[in-house]
Amino acid sequence: MFMFLIAVGGFAGAICRYAISQLIAQKYRGVFPVGTFTVNLLGSLLLGLLIGMRIPPSLFFLLGVGFLGAFTTFSTFSLEGVQLLKERKIFLYMAYAGGSVLIGVLLAYLGFFLGNRFY
């Protein structure tokens, strides 16, 4: 049953990631990978919120493991980082990599705090 929930959530998460990333990338054209940056940070906040809310395991497998697991993307983050380095955009790479990790952890903590406090 959990595998089915992960699959359904993952299907929806991957589609949402692609759609949101494309929408953001079209609106904010440039070198900085703002689409992936945004979905990864949003996913960090939402996962922290789910953990803080202590949702039932079935809902966690659907939303946390499935949806948010597919919504966020480490492989695209890594590839975009390599592309920035390859293009010798060192400052943008440092902002992207450092910002993703630092802000992502802070947002996950914020989500956990809010979920734990209000639910």
C-alpha atoms as a PDB file:
ATOM      1  CA  MET A   1       0.000   0.000   0.000  1.00  0.00           C
ATOM      2  CA  PHE A   2       2.811   2.459   0.857  1.00  0.00           C
ATOM      3  CA  MET A   3       4.459   1.841  -2.521  1.00  0.00           C
ATOM      4  CA  PHE A   4       1.229   2.804  -4.271  1.00  0.00           C
ATOM      5  CA  LEU A   5       0.970   6.010  -2.232  1.00  0.00           C
ATOM      6  CA  ILE A   6       4.598   6.883  -3.020  1.00  0.00           C
ATOM      7  CA  ALA A   7       3.984   6.267  -6.739  1.00  0.00           C
ATOM      8  CA  VAL A   8       0.847   8.420  -6.856  1.00  0.00           C
ATOM      9  CA  GLY A   9       2.492  11.209  -4.884  1.00  0.00           C
ATOM     10  CA  GLY A  10       5.657  10.996  -6.966  1.00  0.00           C
ATOM     11  CA  PHE A  11       3.706  11.220 -10.204  1.00  0.00           C
ATOM     12  CA  ALA A  12       1.943  14.388  -9.064  1.00  0.00           C
ATOM     13  CA  GLY A  13       5.106  15.882  -7.526  1.00  0.00           C
ATOM     14  CA  ALA A  14       7.172  15.427 -10.677  1.00  0.00           C
ATOM     15  CA  ILE A  15       4.516  17.059 -12.838  1.00  0.00           C
ATOM     16  CA  CYS A  16       4.132  19.972 -10.413  1.00  0.00           C
ATOM     17  CA  ARG A  17       7.906  20.463 -10.239  1.00  0.00           C
ATOM     18  CA  TYR A  18       8.211  20.567 -13.993  1.00  0.00           C
ATOM     19  CA  ALA A  19       5.258  22.932 -14.439  1.00  0.00           C
ATOM     20  CA  ILE A  20       6.324  25.338 -11.686  1.00  0.00           C
ATOM     21  CA  SER A  21       9.987  25.299 -12.745  1.00  0.00           C
ATOM     22  CA  GLN A  22       9.059  26.055 -16.344  1.00  0.00           C
ATOM     23  CA  LEU A  23       6.650  28.817 -15.367  1.00  0.00           C
ATOM     24  CA  ILE A  24       9.239  30.498 -13.150  1.00  0.00           C
ATOM     25  CA  ALA A  25      12.057  30.033 -15.671  1.00  0.00           C
ATOM     26  CA  GLN A  26       9.974  31.639 -18.426  1.00  0.00           C
ATOM     27  CA  LYS A  27       9.092  34.613 -16.246  1.00  0.00           C
ATOM     28  CA  TYR A  28      12.619  35.116 -14.868  1.00  0.00           C
ATOM     29  CA  ARG A  29      14.958  34.420 -17.742  1.00  0.00           C
ATOM     30  CA  GLY A  30      18.612  34.539 -16.887  1.00  0.00           C
ATOM     31  CA  VAL A  31      21.618  32.521 -15.911  1.00  0.00           C
ATOM     32  CA  PHE A  32      20.576  31.768 -12.315  1.00  0.00           C
ATOM     33  CA  PRO A  33      18.463  28.562 -12.118  1.00  0.00           C
ATOM     34  CA  VAL A  34      15.595  30.236 -10.274  1.00  0.00           C
ATOM     35  CA  GLY A  35      13.017  27.543 -11.120  1.00  0.00           C
ATOM     36  CA  THR A  36      14.870  24.670  -9.454  1.00  0.00           C
ATOM     37  CA  PHE A  37      16.001  26.952  -6.643  1.00  0.00           C
ATOM     38  CA  THR A  38      12.393  27.901  -5.888  1.00  0.00           C
ATOM     39  CA  VAL A  39      10.879  24.408  -5.963  1.00  0.00           C
ATOM     40  CA  ASN A  40      13.671  22.978  -3.820  1.00  0.00           C
ATOM     41  CA  LEU A  41      13.243  25.693  -1.191  1.00  0.00           C
ATOM     42  CA  LEU A  42       9.461  25.356  -1.224  1.00  0.00           C
ATOM     43  CA  GLY A  43       9.812  21.589  -0.902  1.00  0.00           C
ATOM     44  CA  SER A  44      12.123  22.008   2.098  1.00  0.00           C
ATOM     45  CA  LEU A  45       9.593  24.227   3.842  1.00  0.00           C
ATOM     46  CA  LEU A  46       6.694  21.872   3.099  1.00  0.00           C
ATOM     47  CA  LEU A  47       8.569  18.759   4.212  1.00  0.00           C
ATOM     48  CA  GLY A  48       9.492  20.445   7.470  1.00  0.00           C
ATOM     49  CA  LEU A  49       5.844  21.389   7.920  1.00  0.00           C
ATOM     50  CA  LEU A  50       4.678  17.806   7.334  1.00  0.00           C
ATOM     51  CA  ILE A  51       7.195  16.445   9.826  1.00  0.00           C
ATOM     52  CA  GLY A  52       6.224  19.069  12.399  1.00  0.00           C
ATOM     53  CA  MET A  53       2.541  18.272  11.962  1.00  0.00           C
ATOM     54  CA  ARG A  54       3.157  14.599  12.751  1.00  0.00           C
ATOM     55  CA  ILE A  55       0.819  13.419  10.023  1.00  0.00           C
ATOM     56  CA  PRO A  56      -0.196   9.743   9.785  1.00  0.00           C
ATOM     57  CA  PRO A  57       2.281   7.420   8.027  1.00  0.00           C
ATOM     58  CA  SER A  58       0.072   6.868   4.975  1.00  0.00           C
ATOM     59  CA  LEU A  59      -0.235  10.607   4.384  1.00  0.00           C
ATOM     60  CA  PHE A  60       3.507  11.044   4.929  1.00  0.00           C
ATOM     61  CA  PHE A  61       4.297   8.389   2.304  1.00  0.00           C
ATOM     62  CA  LEU A  62       1.917  10.074  -0.154  1.00  0.00           C
ATOM     63  CA  LEU A  63       2.957  13.681   0.435  1.00  0.00           C
ATOM     64  CA  GLY A  64       6.398  13.561   2.064  1.00  0.00           C
ATOM     65  CA  VAL A  65       8.112  10.665   0.347  1.00  0.00           C
ATOM     66  CA  GLY A  66       6.121  10.616  -2.902  1.00  0.00           C
ATOM     67  CA  PHE A  67       5.044  14.141  -3.774  1.00  0.00           C
ATOM     68  CA  LEU A  68       7.843  16.149  -2.171  1.00  0.00           C
ATOM     69  CA  GLY A  69      10.440  13.514  -3.024  1.00  0.00           C
ATOM     70  CA  ALA A  70       9.638  14.015  -6.705  1.00  0.00           C
ATOM     71  CA  PHE A  71       8.876  17.736  -6.389  1.00  0.00           C
ATOM     72  CA  THR A  72      12.361  18.552  -5.132  1.00  0.00           C
ATOM     73  CA  THR A  73      15.331  17.522  -7.219  1.00  0.00           C
ATOM     74  CA  PHE A  74      18.930  17.047  -6.215  1.00  0.00           C
ATOM     75  CA  SER A  75      20.038  15.791  -9.625  1.00  0.00           C
ATOM     76  CA  THR A  76      18.871  18.921 -11.467  1.00  0.00           C
ATOM     77  CA  PHE A  77      20.373  21.079  -8.716  1.00  0.00           C
ATOM     78  CA  SER A  78      23.707  19.283  -9.216  1.00  0.00           C
ATOM     79  CA  LEU A  79      23.609  19.524 -13.001  1.00  0.00           C
ATOM     80  CA  GLU A  80      22.779  23.222 -12.939  1.00  0.00           C
ATOM     81  CA  GLY A  81      25.627  23.774 -10.486  1.00  0.00           C
ATOM     82  CA  VAL A  82      28.045  22.001 -12.820  1.00  0.00           C
ATOM     83  CA  GLN A  83      26.810  24.113 -15.730  1.00  0.00           C
ATOM     84  CA  LEU A  84      27.450  27.316 -13.769  1.00  0.00           C
ATOM     85  CA  LEU A  85      30.978  26.120 -12.939  1.00  0.00           C
ATOM     86  CA  LYS A  86      31.585  25.082 -16.536  1.00  0.00           C
ATOM     87  CA  GLU A  87      30.594  28.588 -17.646  1.00  0.00           C
ATOM     88  CA  ARG A  88      32.935  30.018 -14.977  1.00  0.00           C
ATOM     89  CA  LYS A  89      30.100  31.741 -13.155  1.00  0.00           C
ATOM     90  CA  ILE A  90      31.675  31.082  -9.779  1.00  0.00           C
ATOM     91  CA  PHE A  91      29.755  33.721  -7.808  1.00  0.00           C
ATOM     92  CA  LEU A  92      26.410  32.479  -9.174  1.00  0.00           C
ATOM     93  CA  TYR A  93      27.405  28.903  -8.387  1.00  0.00           C
ATOM     94  CA  MET A  94      28.292  29.809  -4.804  1.00  0.00           C
ATOM     95  CA  ALA A  95      25.026  31.741  -4.394  1.00  0.00           C
ATOM     96  CA  TYR A  96      23.032  28.850  -5.889  1.00  0.00           C
ATOM     97  CA  ALA A  97      24.715  26.027  -3.985  1.00  0.00           C
ATOM     98  CA  GLY A  98      25.195  27.876  -0.715  1.00  0.00           C
ATOM     99  CA  GLY A  99      21.787  29.497  -0.842  1.00  0.00           C
ATOM    100  CA  SER A 100      20.065  26.223  -1.650  1.00  0.00           C
ATOM    101  CA  VAL A 101      21.622  24.435   1.303  1.00  0.00           C
ATOM    102  CA  LEU A 102      21.527  27.241   3.858  1.00  0.00           C
ATOM    103  CA  ILE A 103      18.089  28.608   3.025  1.00  0.00           C
ATOM    104  CA  GLY A 104      16.725  25.084   2.471  1.00  0.00           C
ATOM    105  CA  VAL A 105      17.755  23.966   5.952  1.00  0.00           C
ATOM    106  CA  LEU A 106      16.389  27.158   7.490  1.00  0.00           C
ATOM    107  CA  LEU A 107      13.064  26.732   5.686  1.00  0.00           C
ATOM    108  CA  ALA A 108      12.843  23.073   6.719  1.00  0.00           C
ATOM    109  CA  TYR A 109      13.382  24.148  10.312  1.00  0.00           C
ATOM    110  CA  LEU A 110      10.793  26.923   9.967  1.00  0.00           C
ATOM    111  CA  GLY A 111       8.291  24.456   8.521  1.00  0.00           C
ATOM    112  CA  PHE A 112       8.964  22.006  11.345  1.00  0.00           C
ATOM    113  CA  PHE A 113       8.576  24.773  13.931  1.00  0.00           C
ATOM    114  CA  LEU A 114       5.298  26.001  12.421  1.00  0.00           C
ATOM    115  CA  GLY A 115       3.912  22.499  11.974  1.00  0.00           C
ATOM    116  CA  ASN A 116       4.846  21.525  15.512  1.00  0.00           C
ATOM    117  CA  ARG A 117       3.480  24.734  16.995  1.00  0.00           C
ATOM    118  CA  PHE A 118       0.172  25.100  15.193  1.00  0.00           C
ATOM    119  CA  TYR A 119      -0.928  21.512  14.562  1.00  0.00           C
END
